[in-house]
Amino acid sequence: MDVEPVIFPGATGISGLSVYPWEAEDGRCGGSPHVHLTCTEAYITVSGSGSLQTLTGQGLSEHPLIPGTVVWFGPGTIHRAVNVSSLRVIVVMQNSGLPEAGDAVLTYPPQVLADPVDYHRGRKPRERRDLAVRGFLDLARDPGALAKFYQQAAELVADRLDSWEARWEAGPLESVRQTQRQLNALRAGNVDYLMDSEVRVAEAPAQRAYGMCGMLDVYRL
């Protein structure tokens, strides 16, 4: 995925997601199972129905998604969006920019994860989803393999950590520093920065793109 979501204050990203209707080998429709290594994520269901399958050290779970449902999960939670009926969610993502830079690792089988060239090989969205589902189903059947998956995921992204840190410093960390500067200004009785306030509106998605779990509505503000 090479698109950037809207960046909210605090460097939080937001995008719309229409979950894929494609049927996988287990007969269920939906997106590509994957994990985030440094980012917390939330799904806010706006229409349709489905579920979010999650796999953690506590085991496999399934969380129904209906309009109004919010599911929040942290780094290390393998998740798979399942589409029952035209499922659409708003995705809120911590550290916006890092997932797009490779923080999200697909649950490909171990032999693919062990080969960076094969892992990063260009695959069509449906082929990518099917391969990730295959690995996810194997992990669900053998929870003991989860630690190995995490280790392989960490090794796969090891050469990207410096660039991630630079993104983090320019985004989330800079946002925290900006708030500190505002607090300092208020303590000094300086309200000049408030004169720079602005309103931006995106009435419709500026771009649609294939994401890991479905078609992404990417807004530009």
N, C-alpha and C. Protein backbone atom coordinates (compact mmCIF):
# COMPACT_ATOMS: atom_id res chain seq x y z
N MET A 1 0.84 -1.18 0.00
CA MET A 1 0.00 0.00 0.00
C MET A 1 0.88 1.23 0.00
N ASP A 2 0.76 2.09 -1.00
CA ASP A 2 1.65 3.22 -1.13
C ASP A 2 0.92 4.55 -1.04
N VAL A 3 -0.19 4.58 -0.30
CA VAL A 3 -0.96 5.81 -0.14
C VAL A 3 -0.93 6.22 1.31
N GLU A 4 -1.07 7.53 1.54
CA GLU A 4 -1.04 8.06 2.89
C GLU A 4 -2.45 8.47 3.29
N PRO A 5 -2.90 8.11 4.50
CA PRO A 5 -4.22 8.55 4.96
C PRO A 5 -4.17 9.97 5.45
N VAL A 6 -5.36 10.52 5.75
CA VAL A 6 -5.42 11.82 6.39
C VAL A 6 -4.66 11.75 7.71
N ILE A 7 -3.88 12.79 8.01
CA ILE A 7 -3.13 12.84 9.26
C ILE A 7 -3.87 13.75 10.24
N PHE A 8 -4.36 13.18 11.33
CA PHE A 8 -5.01 13.95 12.38
C PHE A 8 -3.97 14.45 13.37
N PRO A 9 -4.36 15.41 14.23
CA PRO A 9 -3.44 15.82 15.30
C PRO A 9 -2.97 14.61 16.10
N GLY A 10 -1.72 14.65 16.51
CA GLY A 10 -1.15 13.49 17.19
C GLY A 10 -0.60 12.48 16.21
N ALA A 11 -0.60 12.84 14.91
CA ALA A 11 -0.11 11.95 13.85
C ALA A 11 -0.92 10.67 13.77
N THR A 12 -2.22 10.78 14.01
CA THR A 12 -3.13 9.66 13.84
C THR A 12 -3.68 9.67 12.42
N GLY A 13 -3.69 8.51 11.78
CA GLY A 13 -4.18 8.42 10.42
C GLY A 13 -5.62 7.92 10.38
N ILE A 14 -6.35 8.33 9.35
CA ILE A 14 -7.73 7.85 9.19
C ILE A 14 -8.00 7.60 7.72
N SER A 15 -8.70 6.52 7.44
CA SER A 15 -9.09 6.21 6.07
C SER A 15 -10.37 5.39 6.09
N GLY A 16 -11.10 5.42 4.98
CA GLY A 16 -12.28 4.59 4.84
C GLY A 16 -11.90 3.25 4.22
N LEU A 17 -12.59 2.19 4.61
CA LEU A 17 -12.25 0.86 4.12
C LEU A 17 -13.51 0.09 3.77
N SER A 18 -13.62 -0.32 2.50
CA SER A 18 -14.68 -1.23 2.06
C SER A 18 -14.05 -2.60 1.93
N VAL A 19 -14.39 -3.49 2.84
CA VAL A 19 -13.70 -4.78 2.94
C VAL A 19 -13.98 -5.65 1.71
N TYR A 20 -12.93 -6.30 1.23
CA TYR A 20 -13.04 -7.12 0.03
C TYR A 20 -14.15 -8.16 0.15
N PRO A 21 -14.90 -8.40 -0.94
CA PRO A 21 -15.95 -9.43 -0.93
C PRO A 21 -15.45 -10.77 -1.45
N TRP A 22 -14.15 -10.91 -1.68
CA TRP A 22 -13.60 -12.12 -2.27
C TRP A 22 -13.61 -13.28 -1.28
N GLU A 23 -14.04 -14.45 -1.76
CA GLU A 23 -14.06 -15.64 -0.92
C GLU A 23 -12.68 -16.28 -0.85
N ALA A 24 -12.28 -16.67 0.36
CA ALA A 24 -10.98 -17.32 0.57
C ALA A 24 -11.16 -18.84 0.64
N GLU A 25 -10.06 -19.54 0.85
CA GLU A 25 -10.10 -21.00 0.81
C GLU A 25 -10.93 -21.61 1.93
N ASP A 26 -11.17 -20.86 3.01
CA ASP A 26 -12.01 -21.38 4.10
C ASP A 26 -13.47 -21.00 3.91
N GLY A 27 -13.82 -20.43 2.76
CA GLY A 27 -15.20 -20.09 2.46
C GLY A 27 -15.65 -18.74 2.98
N ARG A 28 -14.76 -18.00 3.62
CA ARG A 28 -15.12 -16.69 4.17
C ARG A 28 -14.55 -15.59 3.29
N CYS A 29 -15.27 -14.49 3.23
CA CYS A 29 -14.86 -13.36 2.39
C CYS A 29 -14.15 -12.32 3.25
N GLY A 30 -13.21 -11.58 2.63
CA GLY A 30 -12.57 -10.53 3.40
C GLY A 30 -11.16 -10.22 2.95
N GLY A 31 -10.41 -9.60 3.87
CA GLY A 31 -9.10 -9.06 3.55
C GLY A 31 -7.94 -9.94 3.91
N SER A 32 -6.76 -9.34 3.85
CA SER A 32 -5.50 -10.06 4.09
C SER A 32 -5.13 -9.99 5.57
N PRO A 33 -5.00 -11.11 6.25
CA PRO A 33 -4.55 -11.09 7.64
C PRO A 33 -3.14 -10.50 7.73
N HIS A 34 -2.91 -9.68 8.74
CA HIS A 34 -1.60 -9.07 8.93
C HIS A 34 -1.45 -8.59 10.36
N VAL A 35 -0.26 -8.12 10.67
CA VAL A 35 0.04 -7.64 12.02
C VAL A 35 0.78 -6.31 11.91
N HIS A 36 0.58 -5.43 12.88
CA HIS A 36 1.37 -4.21 12.98
C HIS A 36 2.36 -4.38 14.12
N LEU A 37 3.59 -3.95 13.87
CA LEU A 37 4.66 -4.16 14.84
C LEU A 37 4.82 -3.01 15.82
N THR A 38 4.36 -1.82 15.45
CA THR A 38 4.52 -0.66 16.33
C THR A 38 3.28 0.21 16.44
N CYS A 39 2.18 -0.17 15.80
CA CYS A 39 1.02 0.72 15.70
C CYS A 39 -0.26 0.09 16.26
N THR A 40 -0.96 0.87 17.07
CA THR A 40 -2.29 0.51 17.53
C THR A 40 -3.30 0.94 16.47
N GLU A 41 -4.39 0.19 16.35
CA GLU A 41 -5.38 0.44 15.30
C GLU A 41 -6.79 0.28 15.88
N ALA A 42 -7.75 0.96 15.24
CA ALA A 42 -9.16 0.79 15.63
C ALA A 42 -10.02 0.72 14.38
N TYR A 43 -11.02 -0.14 14.42
CA TYR A 43 -12.04 -0.23 13.38
C TYR A 43 -13.33 0.35 13.93
N ILE A 44 -13.91 1.31 13.22
CA ILE A 44 -15.21 1.86 13.56
C ILE A 44 -16.17 1.47 12.44
N THR A 45 -17.13 0.60 12.73
CA THR A 45 -18.03 0.10 11.70
C THR A 45 -19.09 1.14 11.38
N VAL A 46 -19.22 1.46 10.08
CA VAL A 46 -20.20 2.47 9.68
C VAL A 46 -21.38 1.86 8.91
N SER A 47 -21.18 0.72 8.25
CA SER A 47 -22.30 0.10 7.54
C SER A 47 -21.96 -1.35 7.23
N GLY A 48 -23.00 -2.10 6.88
CA GLY A 48 -22.82 -3.51 6.57
C GLY A 48 -22.58 -4.34 7.81
N SER A 49 -22.07 -5.53 7.62
CA SER A 49 -21.80 -6.42 8.74
C SER A 49 -20.66 -7.35 8.41
N GLY A 50 -20.04 -7.86 9.45
CA GLY A 50 -18.93 -8.78 9.30
C GLY A 50 -18.32 -9.06 10.65
N SER A 51 -17.03 -9.30 10.67
CA SER A 51 -16.35 -9.56 11.93
C SER A 51 -14.86 -9.30 11.76
N LEU A 52 -14.18 -9.23 12.88
CA LEU A 52 -12.72 -9.12 12.88
C LEU A 52 -12.17 -10.31 13.63
N GLN A 53 -11.45 -11.16 12.90
CA GLN A 53 -10.76 -12.27 13.54
C GLN A 53 -9.42 -11.76 14.05
N THR A 54 -9.09 -12.11 15.28
CA THR A 54 -7.80 -11.70 15.85
C THR A 54 -7.09 -12.91 16.43
N LEU A 55 -5.77 -12.87 16.30
CA LEU A 55 -4.93 -13.94 16.85
C LEU A 55 -3.81 -13.28 17.65
N THR A 56 -3.75 -13.61 18.94
CA THR A 56 -2.72 -13.07 19.84
C THR A 56 -2.17 -14.22 20.67
N GLY A 57 -1.30 -13.88 21.61
CA GLY A 57 -0.80 -14.89 22.52
C GLY A 57 -1.88 -15.51 23.37
N GLN A 58 -3.06 -14.85 23.45
CA GLN A 58 -4.19 -15.38 24.20
C GLN A 58 -5.07 -16.29 23.35
N GLY A 59 -4.76 -16.39 22.06
CA GLY A 59 -5.51 -17.29 21.21
C GLY A 59 -6.30 -16.58 20.12
N LEU A 60 -7.12 -17.36 19.42
CA LEU A 60 -7.93 -16.89 18.31
C LEU A 60 -9.28 -16.40 18.82
N SER A 61 -9.71 -15.21 18.35
CA SER A 61 -11.02 -14.67 18.75
C SER A 61 -11.70 -14.09 17.51
N GLU A 62 -13.00 -13.90 17.63
CA GLU A 62 -13.76 -13.27 16.55
C GLU A 62 -14.72 -12.25 17.15
N HIS A 63 -14.69 -11.04 16.58
CA HIS A 63 -15.43 -9.91 17.13
C HIS A 63 -16.43 -9.42 16.08
N PRO A 64 -17.75 -9.52 16.35
CA PRO A 64 -18.75 -9.07 15.37
C PRO A 64 -18.59 -7.59 15.07
N LEU A 65 -18.80 -7.23 13.81
CA LEU A 65 -18.77 -5.84 13.38
C LEU A 65 -20.12 -5.46 12.79
N ILE A 66 -20.83 -4.58 13.47
CA ILE A 66 -22.08 -4.02 12.99
C ILE A 66 -21.99 -2.52 13.18
N PRO A 67 -22.83 -1.73 12.50
CA PRO A 67 -22.73 -0.28 12.62
C PRO A 67 -22.68 0.19 14.07
N GLY A 68 -21.68 1.00 14.37
CA GLY A 68 -21.49 1.52 15.71
C GLY A 68 -20.45 0.78 16.52
N THR A 69 -20.07 -0.42 16.08
CA THR A 69 -19.06 -1.19 16.81
C THR A 69 -17.67 -0.60 16.62
N VAL A 70 -16.92 -0.52 17.72
CA VAL A 70 -15.53 -0.09 17.67
C VAL A 70 -14.67 -1.23 18.23
N VAL A 71 -13.68 -1.66 17.46
CA VAL A 71 -12.73 -2.68 17.92
C VAL A 71 -11.34 -2.05 17.91
N TRP A 72 -10.68 -2.11 19.05
CA TRP A 72 -9.36 -1.49 19.25
C TRP A 72 -8.36 -2.59 19.53
N PHE A 73 -7.16 -2.51 18.90
CA PHE A 73 -6.16 -3.56 19.14
C PHE A 73 -4.77 -2.99 18.95
N GLY A 74 -3.83 -3.54 19.71
CA GLY A 74 -2.47 -3.03 19.73
C GLY A 74 -1.50 -3.83 18.88
N PRO A 75 -0.24 -3.39 18.84
CA PRO A 75 0.79 -4.09 18.08
C PRO A 75 0.88 -5.56 18.49
N GLY A 76 1.07 -6.43 17.51
CA GLY A 76 1.16 -7.86 17.79
C GLY A 76 -0.14 -8.59 17.57
N THR A 77 -1.25 -7.85 17.40
CA THR A 77 -2.55 -8.49 17.15
C THR A 77 -2.68 -8.80 15.66
N ILE A 78 -2.60 -10.06 15.31
CA ILE A 78 -2.87 -10.45 13.93
C ILE A 78 -4.37 -10.30 13.70
N HIS A 79 -4.76 -9.65 12.63
CA HIS A 79 -6.19 -9.41 12.42
C HIS A 79 -6.57 -9.65 10.96
N ARG A 80 -7.81 -10.10 10.81
CA ARG A 80 -8.37 -10.42 9.50
C ARG A 80 -9.81 -9.91 9.46
N ALA A 81 -10.09 -8.99 8.55
CA ALA A 81 -11.44 -8.47 8.38
C ALA A 81 -12.26 -9.44 7.54
N VAL A 82 -13.42 -9.84 8.07
CA VAL A 82 -14.32 -10.77 7.39
C VAL A 82 -15.57 -10.01 6.97
N ASN A 83 -15.90 -10.10 5.70
CA ASN A 83 -17.04 -9.37 5.14
C ASN A 83 -18.23 -10.31 4.98
N VAL A 84 -19.32 -10.00 5.70
CA VAL A 84 -20.55 -10.79 5.55
C VAL A 84 -21.51 -10.08 4.60
N SER A 85 -21.67 -8.77 4.77
CA SER A 85 -22.58 -8.01 3.92
C SER A 85 -22.11 -6.57 3.78
N SER A 86 -21.43 -6.29 2.68
CA SER A 86 -21.03 -4.92 2.33
C SER A 86 -20.40 -4.17 3.51
N LEU A 87 -19.45 -4.80 4.17
CA LEU A 87 -18.84 -4.22 5.36
C LEU A 87 -17.98 -3.01 5.01
N ARG A 88 -18.24 -1.92 5.72
CA ARG A 88 -17.46 -0.69 5.55
C ARG A 88 -17.10 -0.16 6.93
N VAL A 89 -15.82 0.17 7.10
CA VAL A 89 -15.34 0.67 8.39
C VAL A 89 -14.48 1.91 8.16
N ILE A 90 -14.36 2.70 9.22
CA ILE A 90 -13.37 3.77 9.28
C ILE A 90 -12.19 3.22 10.09
N VAL A 91 -11.01 3.33 9.53
CA VAL A 91 -9.80 2.82 10.19
C VAL A 91 -9.05 4.01 10.80
N VAL A 92 -8.78 3.91 12.09
CA VAL A 92 -7.99 4.92 12.79
C VAL A 92 -6.67 4.26 13.19
N MET A 93 -5.56 4.89 12.79
CA MET A 93 -4.26 4.25 12.93
C MET A 93 -3.25 5.14 13.64
N GLN A 94 -2.62 4.59 14.65
CA GLN A 94 -1.52 5.28 15.34
C GLN A 94 -0.31 5.39 14.41
N ASN A 95 0.52 6.42 14.66
CA ASN A 95 1.79 6.56 13.94
C ASN A 95 1.60 6.53 12.43
N SER A 96 0.63 7.31 11.96
CA SER A 96 0.36 7.30 10.52
C SER A 96 1.63 7.55 9.73
N GLY A 97 1.81 6.74 8.71
CA GLY A 97 3.03 6.77 7.91
C GLY A 97 3.84 5.51 8.11
N LEU A 98 3.86 4.98 9.33
CA LEU A 98 4.63 3.76 9.57
C LEU A 98 3.99 2.54 8.91
N PRO A 99 2.65 2.35 9.01
CA PRO A 99 2.07 1.20 8.31
C PRO A 99 2.37 1.22 6.82
N GLU A 100 2.31 2.43 6.22
CA GLU A 100 2.57 2.56 4.80
C GLU A 100 4.04 2.31 4.47
N ALA A 101 4.90 2.42 5.49
CA ALA A 101 6.34 2.20 5.29
C ALA A 101 6.75 0.77 5.61
N GLY A 102 5.78 -0.12 5.84
CA GLY A 102 6.11 -1.52 6.04
C GLY A 102 5.88 -2.06 7.43
N ASP A 103 5.29 -1.25 8.33
CA ASP A 103 5.01 -1.73 9.68
C ASP A 103 4.02 -2.90 9.66
N ALA A 104 3.16 -2.95 8.66
CA ALA A 104 2.20 -4.05 8.54
C ALA A 104 2.87 -5.23 7.84
N VAL A 105 2.88 -6.38 8.51
CA VAL A 105 3.49 -7.59 7.94
C VAL A 105 2.39 -8.63 7.73
N LEU A 106 2.29 -9.11 6.51
CA LEU A 106 1.28 -10.11 6.16
C LEU A 106 1.65 -11.48 6.72
N THR A 107 0.62 -12.27 6.99
CA THR A 107 0.84 -13.60 7.57
C THR A 107 1.13 -14.64 6.49
N TYR A 108 2.12 -14.38 5.67
CA TYR A 108 2.51 -15.35 4.66
C TYR A 108 3.10 -16.59 5.34
N PRO A 109 3.12 -17.72 4.67
CA PRO A 109 3.74 -18.93 5.22
C PRO A 109 5.21 -18.68 5.56
N PRO A 110 5.77 -19.45 6.49
CA PRO A 110 7.15 -19.22 6.97
C PRO A 110 8.20 -19.17 5.88
N GLN A 111 8.06 -20.01 4.85
CA GLN A 111 9.08 -20.04 3.80
C GLN A 111 9.10 -18.73 3.01
N VAL A 112 7.97 -18.06 2.91
CA VAL A 112 7.92 -16.77 2.22
C VAL A 112 8.49 -15.67 3.12
N LEU A 113 8.13 -15.70 4.39
CA LEU A 113 8.65 -14.71 5.33
C LEU A 113 10.17 -14.79 5.45
N ALA A 114 10.70 -15.97 5.25
CA ALA A 114 12.15 -16.16 5.38
C ALA A 114 12.93 -15.64 4.17
N ASP A 115 12.22 -15.27 3.11
CA ASP A 115 12.87 -14.80 1.89
C ASP A 115 12.36 -13.40 1.56
N PRO A 116 13.09 -12.34 1.95
CA PRO A 116 12.63 -10.97 1.71
C PRO A 116 12.29 -10.68 0.25
N VAL A 117 13.04 -11.25 -0.67
CA VAL A 117 12.76 -11.03 -2.08
C VAL A 117 11.40 -11.60 -2.46
N ASP A 118 11.13 -12.81 -1.99
CA ASP A 118 9.84 -13.43 -2.28
C ASP A 118 8.72 -12.69 -1.56
N TYR A 119 8.96 -12.29 -0.31
CA TYR A 119 7.92 -11.58 0.45
C TYR A 119 7.51 -10.30 -0.27
N HIS A 120 8.47 -9.53 -0.74
CA HIS A 120 8.18 -8.24 -1.36
C HIS A 120 7.87 -8.35 -2.85
N ARG A 121 7.85 -9.56 -3.36
CA ARG A 121 7.53 -9.72 -4.78
C ARG A 121 6.14 -9.18 -5.07
N GLY A 122 6.01 -8.48 -6.18
CA GLY A 122 4.71 -7.91 -6.54
C GLY A 122 3.66 -8.99 -6.74
N ARG A 123 2.57 -8.88 -6.01
CA ARG A 123 1.46 -9.82 -6.15
C ARG A 123 0.17 -9.04 -6.31
N LYS A 124 -0.75 -9.56 -7.09
CA LYS A 124 -2.05 -8.92 -7.22
C LYS A 124 -2.78 -9.00 -5.87
N PRO A 125 -3.68 -8.04 -5.59
CA PRO A 125 -4.33 -7.99 -4.28
C PRO A 125 -4.97 -9.31 -3.84
N ARG A 126 -5.65 -9.97 -4.77
CA ARG A 126 -6.32 -11.22 -4.38
C ARG A 126 -5.32 -12.34 -4.11
N GLU A 127 -4.25 -12.41 -4.91
CA GLU A 127 -3.20 -13.41 -4.68
C GLU A 127 -2.54 -13.17 -3.33
N ARG A 128 -2.26 -11.91 -3.03
CA ARG A 128 -1.66 -11.54 -1.75
C ARG A 128 -2.56 -11.94 -0.59
N ARG A 129 -3.87 -11.67 -0.73
CA ARG A 129 -4.83 -12.03 0.32
C ARG A 129 -4.86 -13.53 0.54
N ASP A 130 -4.93 -14.30 -0.56
CA ASP A 130 -5.04 -15.75 -0.44
C ASP A 130 -3.81 -16.36 0.24
N LEU A 131 -2.63 -15.83 -0.09
CA LEU A 131 -1.42 -16.34 0.53
C LEU A 131 -1.37 -16.01 2.02
N ALA A 132 -1.81 -14.81 2.37
CA ALA A 132 -1.84 -14.41 3.78
C ALA A 132 -2.87 -15.22 4.57
N VAL A 133 -4.01 -15.52 3.97
CA VAL A 133 -5.02 -16.34 4.64
C VAL A 133 -4.48 -17.75 4.88
N ARG A 134 -3.75 -18.27 3.93
CA ARG A 134 -3.18 -19.61 4.10
C ARG A 134 -2.26 -19.65 5.32
N GLY A 135 -1.40 -18.66 5.43
CA GLY A 135 -0.51 -18.60 6.59
C GLY A 135 -1.27 -18.36 7.89
N PHE A 136 -2.30 -17.52 7.82
CA PHE A 136 -3.11 -17.23 9.01
C PHE A 136 -3.81 -18.49 9.52
N LEU A 137 -4.38 -19.26 8.63
CA LEU A 137 -5.08 -20.48 9.03
C LEU A 137 -4.12 -21.48 9.67
N ASP A 138 -2.89 -21.54 9.14
CA ASP A 138 -1.89 -22.42 9.75
C ASP A 138 -1.55 -21.95 11.17
N LEU A 139 -1.40 -20.63 11.35
CA LEU A 139 -1.11 -20.09 12.68
C LEU A 139 -2.26 -20.35 13.65
N ALA A 140 -3.49 -20.23 13.15
CA ALA A 140 -4.65 -20.46 14.01
C ALA A 140 -4.72 -21.91 14.47
N ARG A 141 -4.25 -22.83 13.62
CA ARG A 141 -4.26 -24.24 13.99
C ARG A 141 -3.09 -24.61 14.91
N ASP A 142 -2.03 -23.82 14.87
CA ASP A 142 -0.84 -24.12 15.66
C ASP A 142 -0.37 -22.86 16.38
N PRO A 143 -1.01 -22.49 17.50
CA PRO A 143 -0.63 -21.27 18.23
C PRO A 143 0.85 -21.25 18.64
N GLY A 144 1.46 -22.43 18.73
CA GLY A 144 2.85 -22.48 19.10
C GLY A 144 3.77 -21.86 18.06
N ALA A 145 3.25 -21.67 16.84
CA ALA A 145 4.05 -21.08 15.76
C ALA A 145 4.04 -19.56 15.80
N LEU A 146 3.27 -18.97 16.71
CA LEU A 146 3.11 -17.52 16.74
C LEU A 146 4.42 -16.82 17.05
N ALA A 147 5.19 -17.33 18.01
CA ALA A 147 6.46 -16.70 18.38
C ALA A 147 7.42 -16.68 17.19
N LYS A 148 7.45 -17.76 16.43
CA LYS A 148 8.32 -17.81 15.25
C LYS A 148 7.87 -16.78 14.22
N PHE A 149 6.55 -16.63 14.04
CA PHE A 149 6.05 -15.64 13.10
C PHE A 149 6.49 -14.23 13.50
N TYR A 150 6.34 -13.90 14.79
CA TYR A 150 6.77 -12.58 15.25
C TYR A 150 8.25 -12.37 14.98
N GLN A 151 9.06 -13.39 15.22
CA GLN A 151 10.49 -13.26 15.01
C GLN A 151 10.81 -13.05 13.53
N GLN A 152 10.14 -13.79 12.67
CA GLN A 152 10.36 -13.61 11.24
C GLN A 152 9.92 -12.22 10.78
N ALA A 153 8.80 -11.74 11.34
CA ALA A 153 8.32 -10.41 10.98
C ALA A 153 9.34 -9.35 11.38
N ALA A 154 9.92 -9.50 12.58
CA ALA A 154 10.92 -8.54 13.05
C ALA A 154 12.15 -8.55 12.18
N GLU A 155 12.59 -9.73 11.78
CA GLU A 155 13.77 -9.84 10.91
C GLU A 155 13.49 -9.23 9.54
N LEU A 156 12.25 -9.37 9.09
CA LEU A 156 11.88 -8.88 7.76
C LEU A 156 11.96 -7.36 7.66
N VAL A 157 11.70 -6.67 8.77
CA VAL A 157 11.67 -5.20 8.75
C VAL A 157 12.91 -4.57 9.37
N ALA A 158 13.88 -5.37 9.77
CA ALA A 158 15.03 -4.86 10.53
C ALA A 158 15.75 -3.72 9.81
N ASP A 159 15.83 -3.79 8.48
CA ASP A 159 16.56 -2.76 7.75
C ASP A 159 15.75 -1.49 7.55
N ARG A 160 14.51 -1.46 8.04
CA ARG A 160 13.65 -0.28 7.88
C ARG A 160 13.52 0.55 9.16
N LEU A 161 14.09 0.06 10.24
CA LEU A 161 13.83 0.69 11.53
C LEU A 161 14.35 2.13 11.60
N ASP A 162 15.48 2.42 10.98
CA ASP A 162 16.00 3.78 11.00
C ASP A 162 15.05 4.74 10.28
N SER A 163 14.53 4.31 9.13
CA SER A 163 13.60 5.17 8.40
C SER A 163 12.28 5.33 9.16
N TRP A 164 11.84 4.27 9.86
CA TRP A 164 10.64 4.38 10.69
C TRP A 164 10.84 5.41 11.79
N GLU A 165 12.03 5.35 12.40
CA GLU A 165 12.29 6.29 13.49
C GLU A 165 12.27 7.73 12.98
N ALA A 166 12.80 7.94 11.79
CA ALA A 166 12.79 9.29 11.22
C ALA A 166 11.35 9.76 10.98
N ARG A 167 10.49 8.87 10.48
CA ARG A 167 9.08 9.21 10.29
C ARG A 167 8.41 9.52 11.63
N TRP A 168 8.72 8.71 12.62
CA TRP A 168 8.14 8.90 13.94
C TRP A 168 8.55 10.25 14.53
N GLU A 169 9.82 10.59 14.36
CA GLU A 169 10.30 11.87 14.89
C GLU A 169 9.64 13.05 14.18
N ALA A 170 9.42 12.92 12.87
CA ALA A 170 8.83 14.01 12.10
C ALA A 170 7.32 14.10 12.28
N GLY A 171 6.69 13.00 12.73
CA GLY A 171 5.24 12.98 12.87
C GLY A 171 4.78 12.94 14.31
N PRO A 172 4.61 11.74 14.90
CA PRO A 172 4.11 11.64 16.27
C PRO A 172 4.93 12.43 17.29
N LEU A 173 6.25 12.31 17.25
CA LEU A 173 7.06 13.02 18.24
C LEU A 173 6.98 14.53 18.04
N GLU A 174 7.00 14.98 16.80
CA GLU A 174 6.89 16.42 16.53
C GLU A 174 5.54 16.96 16.99
N SER A 175 4.48 16.12 16.87
CA SER A 175 3.16 16.55 17.34
C SER A 175 3.16 16.77 18.85
N VAL A 176 3.83 15.88 19.59
CA VAL A 176 3.95 16.05 21.04
C VAL A 176 4.74 17.33 21.36
N ARG A 177 5.81 17.56 20.62
CA ARG A 177 6.61 18.75 20.85
C ARG A 177 5.82 20.01 20.54
N GLN A 178 4.96 19.95 19.52
CA GLN A 178 4.14 21.11 19.18
C GLN A 178 3.20 21.46 20.33
N THR A 179 2.60 20.43 20.94
CA THR A 179 1.74 20.68 22.09
C THR A 179 2.53 21.31 23.23
N GLN A 180 3.76 20.85 23.44
CA GLN A 180 4.59 21.44 24.47
C GLN A 180 4.86 22.91 24.18
N ARG A 181 5.11 23.23 22.92
CA ARG A 181 5.34 24.63 22.56
C ARG A 181 4.08 25.47 22.81
N GLN A 182 2.92 24.90 22.54
CA GLN A 182 1.67 25.63 22.77
C GLN A 182 1.44 25.87 24.26
N LEU A 183 1.73 24.85 25.08
CA LEU A 183 1.59 25.02 26.53
C LEU A 183 2.54 26.10 27.03
N ASN A 184 3.76 26.08 26.52
CA ASN A 184 4.73 27.08 26.94
C ASN A 184 4.28 28.48 26.54
N ALA A 185 3.69 28.59 25.32
CA ALA A 185 3.20 29.89 24.86
C ALA A 185 2.07 30.40 25.76
N LEU A 186 1.16 29.49 26.13
CA LEU A 186 0.05 29.89 26.99
C LEU A 186 0.56 30.34 28.36
N ARG A 187 1.54 29.63 28.89
CA ARG A 187 2.11 30.03 30.18
C ARG A 187 2.72 31.44 30.11
N ALA A 188 3.24 31.76 28.91
CA ALA A 188 3.86 33.07 28.73
C ALA A 188 2.85 34.14 28.31
N GLY A 189 1.57 33.74 28.21
CA GLY A 189 0.54 34.69 27.79
C GLY A 189 0.57 35.01 26.32
N ASN A 190 1.20 34.16 25.53
CA ASN A 190 1.32 34.38 24.10
C ASN A 190 0.28 33.54 23.36
N VAL A 191 -0.66 34.20 22.68
CA VAL A 191 -1.73 33.48 21.98
C VAL A 191 -1.60 33.64 20.46
N ASP A 192 -0.43 34.08 19.99
CA ASP A 192 -0.25 34.33 18.56
C ASP A 192 -0.54 33.09 17.72
N TYR A 193 -0.16 31.89 18.23
CA TYR A 193 -0.33 30.68 17.42
C TYR A 193 -1.80 30.38 17.14
N LEU A 194 -2.70 30.88 17.98
CA LEU A 194 -4.13 30.64 17.76
C LEU A 194 -4.64 31.35 16.52
N MET A 195 -3.94 32.39 16.10
CA MET A 195 -4.33 33.11 14.89
C MET A 195 -4.09 32.29 13.63
N ASP A 196 -3.32 31.21 13.75
CA ASP A 196 -3.00 30.37 12.60
C ASP A 196 -3.96 29.21 12.42
N SER A 197 -5.01 29.16 13.24
CA SER A 197 -5.97 28.06 13.14
C SER A 197 -6.63 28.04 11.77
N GLU A 198 -6.90 26.82 11.27
CA GLU A 198 -7.53 26.68 9.96
C GLU A 198 -8.49 25.50 9.96
N VAL A 199 -9.41 25.51 9.00
CA VAL A 199 -10.39 24.44 8.81
C VAL A 199 -10.18 23.85 7.43
N ARG A 200 -10.10 22.53 7.37
CA ARG A 200 -9.97 21.85 6.09
C ARG A 200 -11.11 20.84 5.96
N VAL A 201 -11.63 20.69 4.76
CA VAL A 201 -12.76 19.79 4.53
C VAL A 201 -12.46 18.91 3.33
N ALA A 202 -12.70 17.61 3.47
CA ALA A 202 -12.65 16.67 2.35
C ALA A 202 -14.02 16.03 2.25
N GLU A 203 -14.80 16.43 1.25
CA GLU A 203 -16.19 15.97 1.16
C GLU A 203 -16.31 14.58 0.53
N ALA A 204 -15.32 14.18 -0.22
CA ALA A 204 -15.36 12.88 -0.88
C ALA A 204 -13.94 12.36 -1.01
N PRO A 205 -13.78 11.05 -1.07
CA PRO A 205 -12.43 10.51 -1.22
C PRO A 205 -11.74 11.06 -2.45
N ALA A 206 -10.50 11.46 -2.27
CA ALA A 206 -9.73 11.97 -3.40
C ALA A 206 -9.12 10.82 -4.21
N GLN A 207 -9.06 9.65 -3.59
CA GLN A 207 -8.39 8.53 -4.26
C GLN A 207 -8.88 7.23 -3.65
N ARG A 208 -9.03 6.20 -4.48
CA ARG A 208 -9.31 4.86 -3.99
C ARG A 208 -8.13 3.97 -4.36
N ALA A 209 -7.78 3.09 -3.46
CA ALA A 209 -6.61 2.25 -3.70
C ALA A 209 -6.84 0.88 -3.08
N TYR A 210 -6.14 -0.13 -3.61
CA TYR A 210 -6.19 -1.46 -3.02
C TYR A 210 -5.38 -1.44 -1.73
N GLY A 211 -6.01 -1.80 -0.62
CA GLY A 211 -5.32 -1.93 0.65
C GLY A 211 -5.16 -3.39 1.01
N MET A 212 -4.76 -3.65 2.23
CA MET A 212 -4.59 -5.03 2.67
C MET A 212 -5.93 -5.72 2.87
N CYS A 213 -6.92 -4.97 3.37
CA CYS A 213 -8.20 -5.59 3.73
C CYS A 213 -9.34 -5.22 2.81
N GLY A 214 -9.13 -4.23 1.93
CA GLY A 214 -10.21 -3.83 1.06
C GLY A 214 -9.83 -2.58 0.28
N MET A 215 -10.83 -1.97 -0.36
CA MET A 215 -10.60 -0.74 -1.08
C MET A 215 -10.55 0.41 -0.09
N LEU A 216 -9.49 1.18 -0.15
CA LEU A 216 -9.28 2.30 0.76
C LEU A 216 -9.76 3.60 0.13
N ASP A 217 -10.50 4.38 0.89
CA ASP A 217 -10.82 5.75 0.51
C ASP A 217 -9.77 6.63 1.17
N VAL A 218 -8.97 7.27 0.33
CA VAL A 218 -7.87 8.11 0.83
C VAL A 218 -8.24 9.56 0.63
N TYR A 219 -8.30 10.32 1.70
CA TYR A 219 -8.68 11.72 1.66
C TYR A 219 -7.46 12.62 1.65
N ARG A 220 -7.59 13.75 0.98
CA ARG A 220 -6.53 14.76 0.97
C ARG A 220 -7.08 16.03 1.61
N LEU A 221 -6.39 16.50 2.63
CA LEU A 221 -6.79 17.74 3.31
C LEU A 221 -5.65 18.76 3.23
